Amino acid sequence: MRVLSALLAVFLGVSALAAPIKIGITQIVDHPALNAVRQGIIDALTEAGYVEGENVEYVLCNAQGDLSVAMSIAQNFLAQGVDLVVSIATPTSQAAVQVFKDTGVPVVFSAVTDPVGAGLTGYPNVTGTSDLIDVASDLALLKRLVPGLEKVGMVYNPGEANSAILTDMAVAAAADMGLEVVPAAAENTAAVPLAAQSLIGRVQAIYITTDNTVVSALESVVDVAKTEGLPLLVADPTSLERGALVCTGFDYYDHGRMTGEMVLRVLQGTPPADIPVRYQKGTQIWLNLDMAAEMGFSFPPAVREEATGLLFGGHRFVLKG
């Protein structure tokens, strides 16, 4: 009997060792940029030997823009006993850190604008990546695109910490450039069309930052911009095909892979506290020639020379690697 018990203990020990690592991945909404982040993370882990169904299990969740749902997802991850949490975007990261900050379970956040301002730093089990954009550079680009530009409209969700921070930054940067930012608040996706329409006749261009609520309902902003002939700059390259005239920012798939590299370091035994937060570099400029043709808009030659790539005939063409 003792031999059988010993063999059973050994068997159970081996089984426990062979159990897949359970990783909970939570994102605030479903839109191309955040989906690209998620895929980049998973691809980075797959290439490192973490194969779903063999040695890793992913629990994928989407809060559909609801902060209370984001908190429920984090609490459910805790109840399920996940080994590591990956949170994509600021609201879901805040929820994950709130739930897991005292547990010792690693949390790796991604696509967070201001980790310090969002209260995500200073915890021994938390690290991640930031997609902080250069709003001053975006506004300067709009000035080059629109001669005589004075007022720029911004549709944003004041309830998203990342968006509120970027809007404040844009207001400050605009003042230094002799511009005025005209904000239009939209607390959920249903409110985005009305917020965009409120800018008609009040601005000469529209600027959208990495606001998850607004990007999720971007088509309604595109409709207003196109109908009114207002240049629309979106700080998200994945929004190009959706009708933005200009897109700036980062390749969010690459951002996901950068996050995946940090997850790998944690899985290999490096404490999150020993992994500094990383900030994405390398802003791109994408020009939508199809939308420009519809609007009768011409890009200045100097801007075209700086472009990372173009959308023409529904297809992307890369100009610079």
Protein backbone atom coordinates (compact mmCIF):
# COMPACT_ATOMS: atom_id res chain seq x y z
CA MET A 1 0.00 0.00 0.00
CA ARG A 2 2.85 2.36 0.87
CA VAL A 3 4.51 1.63 -2.47
CA LEU A 4 1.25 2.35 -4.29
CA SER A 5 0.86 5.59 -2.34
CA ALA A 6 4.40 6.61 -3.23
CA LEU A 7 3.84 5.85 -6.90
CA LEU A 8 0.59 7.80 -6.84
CA ALA A 9 2.34 10.77 -5.24
CA VAL A 10 5.03 10.69 -7.92
CA PHE A 11 2.38 10.45 -10.64
CA LEU A 12 0.42 13.37 -9.23
CA GLY A 13 3.60 15.40 -8.91
CA VAL A 14 4.50 14.84 -12.56
CA SER A 15 0.95 15.66 -13.60
CA ALA A 16 1.07 18.89 -11.66
CA LEU A 17 4.33 19.83 -13.30
CA ALA A 18 2.86 19.09 -16.71
CA ALA A 19 -0.26 21.20 -16.14
CA PRO A 20 -0.52 24.03 -18.68
CA ILE A 21 0.23 27.56 -17.53
CA LYS A 22 -3.06 29.48 -17.38
CA ILE A 23 -2.83 33.05 -18.69
CA GLY A 24 -5.78 35.40 -18.47
CA ILE A 25 -5.86 38.07 -21.19
CA THR A 26 -8.36 40.89 -20.77
CA GLN A 27 -9.03 43.89 -23.05
CA ILE A 28 -11.44 46.76 -22.71
CA VAL A 29 -13.09 46.59 -26.16
CA ASP A 30 -12.91 44.79 -29.47
CA HIS A 31 -11.17 46.93 -32.06
CA PRO A 32 -8.27 46.34 -34.49
CA ALA A 33 -5.49 47.96 -32.45
CA LEU A 34 -6.19 46.05 -29.25
CA ASN A 35 -6.83 42.84 -31.17
CA ALA A 36 -3.44 43.30 -32.83
CA VAL A 37 -1.82 43.71 -29.40
CA ARG A 38 -3.42 40.47 -28.20
CA GLN A 39 -2.28 38.57 -31.28
CA GLY A 40 1.26 39.93 -30.99
CA ILE A 41 1.46 38.71 -27.39
CA ILE A 42 0.21 35.24 -28.26
CA ASP A 43 2.48 34.96 -31.30
CA ALA A 44 5.54 35.94 -29.26
CA LEU A 45 4.74 33.24 -26.72
CA THR A 46 3.99 30.64 -29.41
CA GLU A 47 7.33 31.24 -31.10
CA ALA A 48 9.02 30.76 -27.72
CA GLY A 49 7.45 27.32 -27.35
CA TYR A 50 4.23 28.04 -25.48
CA VAL A 51 1.66 26.11 -27.50
CA GLU A 52 -2.01 26.52 -26.64
CA GLY A 53 -3.56 23.24 -25.60
CA GLU A 54 -0.20 21.75 -24.71
CA ASN A 55 1.69 23.84 -22.16
CA VAL A 56 -0.38 27.03 -22.04
CA GLU A 57 -4.06 27.84 -21.71
CA TYR A 58 -5.41 31.29 -22.60
CA VAL A 59 -8.53 32.69 -21.00
CA LEU A 60 -9.55 35.50 -23.37
CA CYS A 61 -12.03 38.11 -22.14
CA ASN A 62 -13.45 41.39 -23.45
CA ALA A 63 -15.13 43.97 -21.22
CA GLN A 64 -17.07 45.51 -24.15
CA GLY A 65 -16.23 49.00 -22.88
CA ASP A 66 -17.82 48.44 -19.47
CA LEU A 67 -15.59 49.19 -16.48
CA SER A 68 -17.70 47.08 -14.13
CA VAL A 69 -17.32 44.14 -16.50
CA ALA A 70 -13.55 44.71 -16.57
CA MET A 71 -13.51 44.40 -12.78
CA SER A 72 -15.67 41.25 -12.91
CA ILE A 73 -13.30 39.70 -15.44
CA ALA A 74 -10.32 40.35 -13.16
CA GLN A 75 -12.16 38.85 -10.20
CA ASN A 76 -13.07 35.81 -12.29
CA PHE A 77 -9.41 35.37 -13.26
CA LEU A 78 -8.56 35.33 -9.55
CA ALA A 79 -11.27 32.75 -8.87
CA GLN A 80 -9.98 30.57 -11.71
CA GLY A 81 -6.46 30.67 -10.31
CA VAL A 82 -4.70 32.03 -13.38
CA ASP A 83 -0.90 31.97 -13.23
CA LEU A 84 -0.44 35.33 -14.97
CA VAL A 85 -2.63 38.20 -16.16
CA VAL A 86 -2.13 40.26 -19.31
CA SER A 87 -4.28 43.39 -19.39
CA ILE A 88 -4.70 45.37 -22.60
CA ALA A 89 -5.60 49.10 -22.32
CA THR A 90 -5.75 51.36 -19.29
CA PRO A 91 -9.21 50.55 -17.82
CA THR A 92 -8.69 46.78 -17.85
CA SER A 93 -5.19 47.22 -16.46
CA GLN A 94 -6.52 49.31 -13.59
CA ALA A 95 -9.07 46.61 -12.83
CA ALA A 96 -6.47 43.83 -12.99
CA VAL A 97 -4.02 45.64 -10.72
CA GLN A 98 -6.77 46.49 -8.25
CA VAL A 99 -7.72 42.80 -7.94
CA PHE A 100 -4.24 41.24 -8.09
CA LYS A 101 -1.99 43.83 -6.41
CA ASP A 102 -1.72 41.86 -3.15
CA THR A 103 -1.75 38.33 -4.58
CA GLY A 104 1.74 37.80 -5.97
CA VAL A 105 0.25 36.76 -9.34
CA PRO A 106 2.14 38.64 -12.09
CA VAL A 107 0.25 41.27 -14.06
CA VAL A 108 1.73 42.53 -17.35
CA PHE A 109 -0.17 45.46 -18.82
CA SER A 110 -0.10 46.63 -22.43
CA ALA A 111 -1.29 49.62 -24.50
CA VAL A 112 -1.44 51.86 -21.42
CA THR A 113 -0.95 55.57 -22.05
CA ASP A 114 0.33 56.76 -18.67
CA PRO A 115 1.15 53.88 -16.29
CA VAL A 116 2.17 56.25 -13.48
CA GLY A 117 -0.88 58.50 -13.77
CA ALA A 118 -3.14 55.45 -14.02
CA GLY A 119 -1.76 54.10 -10.74
CA LEU A 120 -0.22 50.96 -12.21
CA THR A 121 3.35 51.31 -10.96
CA GLY A 122 5.01 50.59 -7.64
CA TYR A 123 3.67 47.06 -7.18
CA PRO A 124 6.15 44.15 -7.00
CA ASN A 125 4.05 41.90 -9.21
CA VAL A 126 3.20 44.45 -11.95
CA THR A 127 5.02 45.67 -15.06
CA GLY A 128 4.14 46.33 -18.68
CA THR A 129 4.32 48.49 -21.77
CA SER A 130 3.08 51.98 -22.65
CA ASP A 131 1.78 53.30 -25.97
CA LEU A 132 2.06 56.96 -24.99
CA ILE A 133 1.69 59.00 -28.17
CA ASP A 134 3.23 62.35 -29.09
CA VAL A 135 0.19 64.63 -29.19
CA ALA A 136 2.29 67.73 -29.87
CA SER A 137 3.73 66.11 -32.98
CA ASP A 138 0.24 65.12 -34.16
CA LEU A 139 -1.07 68.66 -33.75
CA ALA A 140 1.96 70.05 -35.55
CA LEU A 141 1.21 67.67 -38.42
CA LEU A 142 -2.38 68.91 -38.57
CA LYS A 143 -1.09 72.50 -38.80
CA ARG A 144 0.97 71.49 -41.81
CA LEU A 145 -2.02 69.77 -43.42
CA VAL A 146 -4.50 72.60 -42.84
CA PRO A 147 -3.18 76.11 -43.64
CA GLY A 148 -4.55 78.67 -41.23
CA LEU A 149 -5.69 76.01 -38.76
CA GLU A 150 -7.07 77.57 -35.57
CA LYS A 151 -9.48 75.09 -33.96
CA VAL A 152 -9.14 71.30 -33.66
CA GLY A 153 -12.02 69.13 -32.48
CA MET A 154 -11.38 66.16 -30.20
CA VAL A 155 -13.99 63.51 -29.48
CA TYR A 156 -13.04 61.71 -26.29
CA ASN A 157 -14.35 59.71 -23.34
CA PRO A 158 -13.57 61.60 -20.10
CA GLY A 159 -14.13 58.35 -18.20
CA GLU A 160 -11.08 56.73 -19.80
CA ALA A 161 -8.02 57.77 -17.82
CA ASN A 162 -5.79 57.39 -20.87
CA SER A 163 -8.02 59.60 -23.02
CA ALA A 164 -8.46 62.26 -20.34
CA ILE A 165 -4.68 62.48 -19.92
CA LEU A 166 -4.07 62.78 -23.66
CA THR A 167 -6.81 65.39 -24.07
CA ASP A 168 -5.25 67.51 -21.32
CA MET A 169 -1.87 67.11 -23.00
CA ALA A 170 -3.35 68.15 -26.34
CA VAL A 171 -5.00 71.24 -24.83
CA ALA A 172 -1.66 72.31 -23.34
CA ALA A 173 0.32 71.57 -26.50
CA ALA A 174 -2.23 73.37 -28.68
CA ALA A 175 -1.97 76.52 -26.60
CA ASP A 176 1.78 76.60 -27.23
CA MET A 177 1.10 76.37 -30.97
CA GLY A 178 -1.55 79.05 -31.14
CA LEU A 179 -4.30 76.44 -31.57
CA GLU A 180 -7.52 75.83 -29.66
CA VAL A 181 -8.77 72.35 -28.86
CA VAL A 182 -12.57 72.02 -28.91
CA PRO A 183 -13.43 68.91 -26.85
CA ALA A 184 -16.57 66.85 -27.44
CA ALA A 185 -17.26 64.33 -24.69
CA ALA A 186 -18.69 60.86 -25.39
CA GLU A 187 -19.01 58.64 -22.33
CA ASN A 188 -19.86 55.54 -24.39
CA THR A 189 -19.85 54.39 -27.99
CA ALA A 190 -23.52 55.31 -28.47
CA ALA A 191 -22.67 58.94 -27.67
CA VAL A 192 -19.84 59.21 -30.21
CA PRO A 193 -21.99 60.16 -33.25
CA LEU A 194 -23.65 63.06 -31.42
CA ALA A 195 -20.32 64.25 -30.03
CA ALA A 196 -18.80 64.23 -33.51
CA GLN A 197 -21.78 66.11 -34.96
CA SER A 198 -21.45 68.75 -32.25
CA LEU A 199 -18.14 69.80 -33.84
CA ILE A 200 -19.73 70.76 -37.18
CA GLY A 201 -19.12 74.42 -37.98
CA ARG A 202 -16.87 74.85 -34.95
CA VAL A 203 -13.55 73.33 -36.04
CA GLN A 204 -11.33 72.95 -39.10
CA ALA A 205 -9.96 69.48 -38.33
CA ILE A 206 -10.60 66.55 -35.98
CA TYR A 207 -8.06 64.69 -33.88
CA ILE A 208 -8.69 61.31 -32.21
CA THR A 209 -6.16 59.89 -29.77
CA THR A 210 -5.94 56.32 -28.51
CA ASP A 211 -9.40 56.56 -26.97
CA ASN A 212 -10.85 53.04 -26.97
CA THR A 213 -14.46 54.21 -26.81
CA VAL A 214 -14.14 56.56 -29.79
CA VAL A 215 -12.00 54.24 -31.90
CA SER A 216 -14.63 51.53 -31.40
CA ALA A 217 -17.20 53.84 -33.02
CA LEU A 218 -14.82 55.58 -35.40
CA GLU A 219 -17.06 55.26 -38.47
CA SER A 220 -19.44 57.87 -37.05
CA VAL A 221 -16.57 60.35 -36.74
CA VAL A 222 -15.39 59.49 -40.25
CA ASP A 223 -18.88 60.22 -41.61
CA VAL A 224 -18.86 63.72 -40.10
CA ALA A 225 -15.31 64.43 -41.23
CA LYS A 226 -15.97 63.30 -44.79
CA THR A 227 -19.32 65.08 -45.12
CA GLU A 228 -17.94 68.34 -43.72
CA GLY A 229 -14.57 68.13 -45.48
CA LEU A 230 -12.67 68.07 -42.18
CA PRO A 231 -9.25 66.40 -42.15
CA LEU A 232 -9.33 63.57 -39.59
CA LEU A 233 -6.12 62.45 -37.88
CA VAL A 234 -6.32 59.28 -35.76
CA ALA A 235 -3.40 58.21 -33.58
CA ASP A 236 -3.85 54.56 -34.53
CA PRO A 237 -2.45 53.09 -37.78
CA THR A 238 -5.01 50.26 -37.72
CA SER A 239 -7.75 52.86 -38.33
CA LEU A 240 -6.50 53.76 -41.82
CA GLU A 241 -8.86 51.44 -43.71
CA ARG A 242 -11.77 52.66 -41.61
CA GLY A 243 -11.63 56.11 -43.19
CA ALA A 244 -9.15 58.28 -41.31
CA LEU A 245 -7.39 60.73 -43.63
CA VAL A 246 -4.14 60.42 -41.66
CA CYS A 247 -3.01 57.88 -39.07
CA THR A 248 -0.03 58.24 -36.78
CA GLY A 249 1.29 56.17 -33.92
CA PHE A 250 2.67 52.69 -33.54
CA ASP A 251 2.27 49.26 -35.07
CA TYR A 252 0.11 47.69 -32.38
CA TYR A 253 1.05 44.17 -33.37
CA ASP A 254 4.68 45.08 -32.67
CA HIS A 255 3.55 46.60 -29.38
CA GLY A 256 1.95 43.27 -28.52
CA ARG A 257 5.13 41.40 -29.34
CA MET A 258 7.09 43.76 -27.09
CA THR A 259 4.62 42.97 -24.32
CA GLY A 260 4.96 39.27 -25.11
CA GLU A 261 8.71 39.52 -24.58
CA MET A 262 8.08 40.89 -21.10
CA VAL A 263 5.63 38.07 -20.36
CA LEU A 264 8.30 35.57 -21.40
CA ARG A 265 10.80 37.10 -18.99
CA VAL A 266 8.28 36.73 -16.16
CA LEU A 267 7.55 33.11 -17.14
CA GLN A 268 11.28 32.43 -17.15
CA GLY A 269 11.53 33.58 -13.55
CA THR A 270 12.36 37.29 -13.62
CA PRO A 271 10.30 39.16 -11.00
CA PRO A 272 8.10 41.87 -12.55
CA ALA A 273 9.67 44.40 -10.16
CA ASP A 274 12.99 43.79 -11.95
CA ILE A 275 11.50 44.53 -15.38
CA PRO A 276 11.11 48.29 -16.03
CA VAL A 277 8.05 49.57 -17.87
CA ARG A 278 8.82 49.90 -21.57
CA TYR A 279 7.61 52.73 -23.82
CA GLN A 280 6.87 52.12 -27.48
CA LYS A 281 9.04 54.05 -29.93
CA GLY A 282 8.93 54.75 -33.65
CA THR A 283 5.91 56.85 -34.64
CA GLN A 284 4.54 56.17 -38.12
CA ILE A 285 2.62 58.38 -40.56
CA TRP A 286 0.07 56.77 -42.88
CA LEU A 287 -1.81 58.74 -45.55
CA ASN A 288 -5.18 57.68 -46.96
CA LEU A 289 -5.14 58.66 -50.64
CA ASP A 290 -8.55 57.10 -51.20
CA MET A 291 -10.18 59.35 -48.61
CA ALA A 292 -8.20 62.34 -49.86
CA ALA A 293 -9.63 61.78 -53.35
CA GLU A 294 -13.19 61.58 -51.97
CA MET A 295 -12.70 64.83 -50.05
CA GLY A 296 -10.74 66.65 -52.76
CA PHE A 297 -7.81 66.99 -50.36
CA SER A 298 -4.16 67.21 -51.41
CA PHE A 299 -1.29 66.26 -49.12
CA PRO A 300 1.67 68.65 -49.08
CA PRO A 301 4.66 67.09 -50.89
CA ALA A 302 6.84 67.33 -47.78
CA VAL A 303 4.33 65.31 -45.76
CA ARG A 304 4.13 62.65 -48.47
CA GLU A 305 7.92 62.36 -48.37
CA GLU A 306 7.81 61.68 -44.63
CA ALA A 307 5.02 59.10 -44.86
CA THR A 308 5.58 55.56 -43.67
CA GLY A 309 3.02 54.34 -46.18
CA LEU A 310 -0.12 55.02 -48.20
CA LEU A 311 -3.59 53.57 -48.64
CA PHE A 312 -4.49 53.59 -52.33
CA GLY A 313 -7.16 51.56 -54.09
CA GLY A 314 -7.97 49.89 -50.80
CA HIS A 315 -4.44 48.53 -50.42
CA ARG A 316 -1.53 49.57 -48.22
CA PHE A 317 1.80 50.45 -49.74
CA VAL A 318 4.81 50.71 -47.46
CA LEU A 319 7.20 53.52 -48.34
CA LYS A 320 9.57 53.26 -45.40
CA GLY A 321 10.55 50.19 -43.39
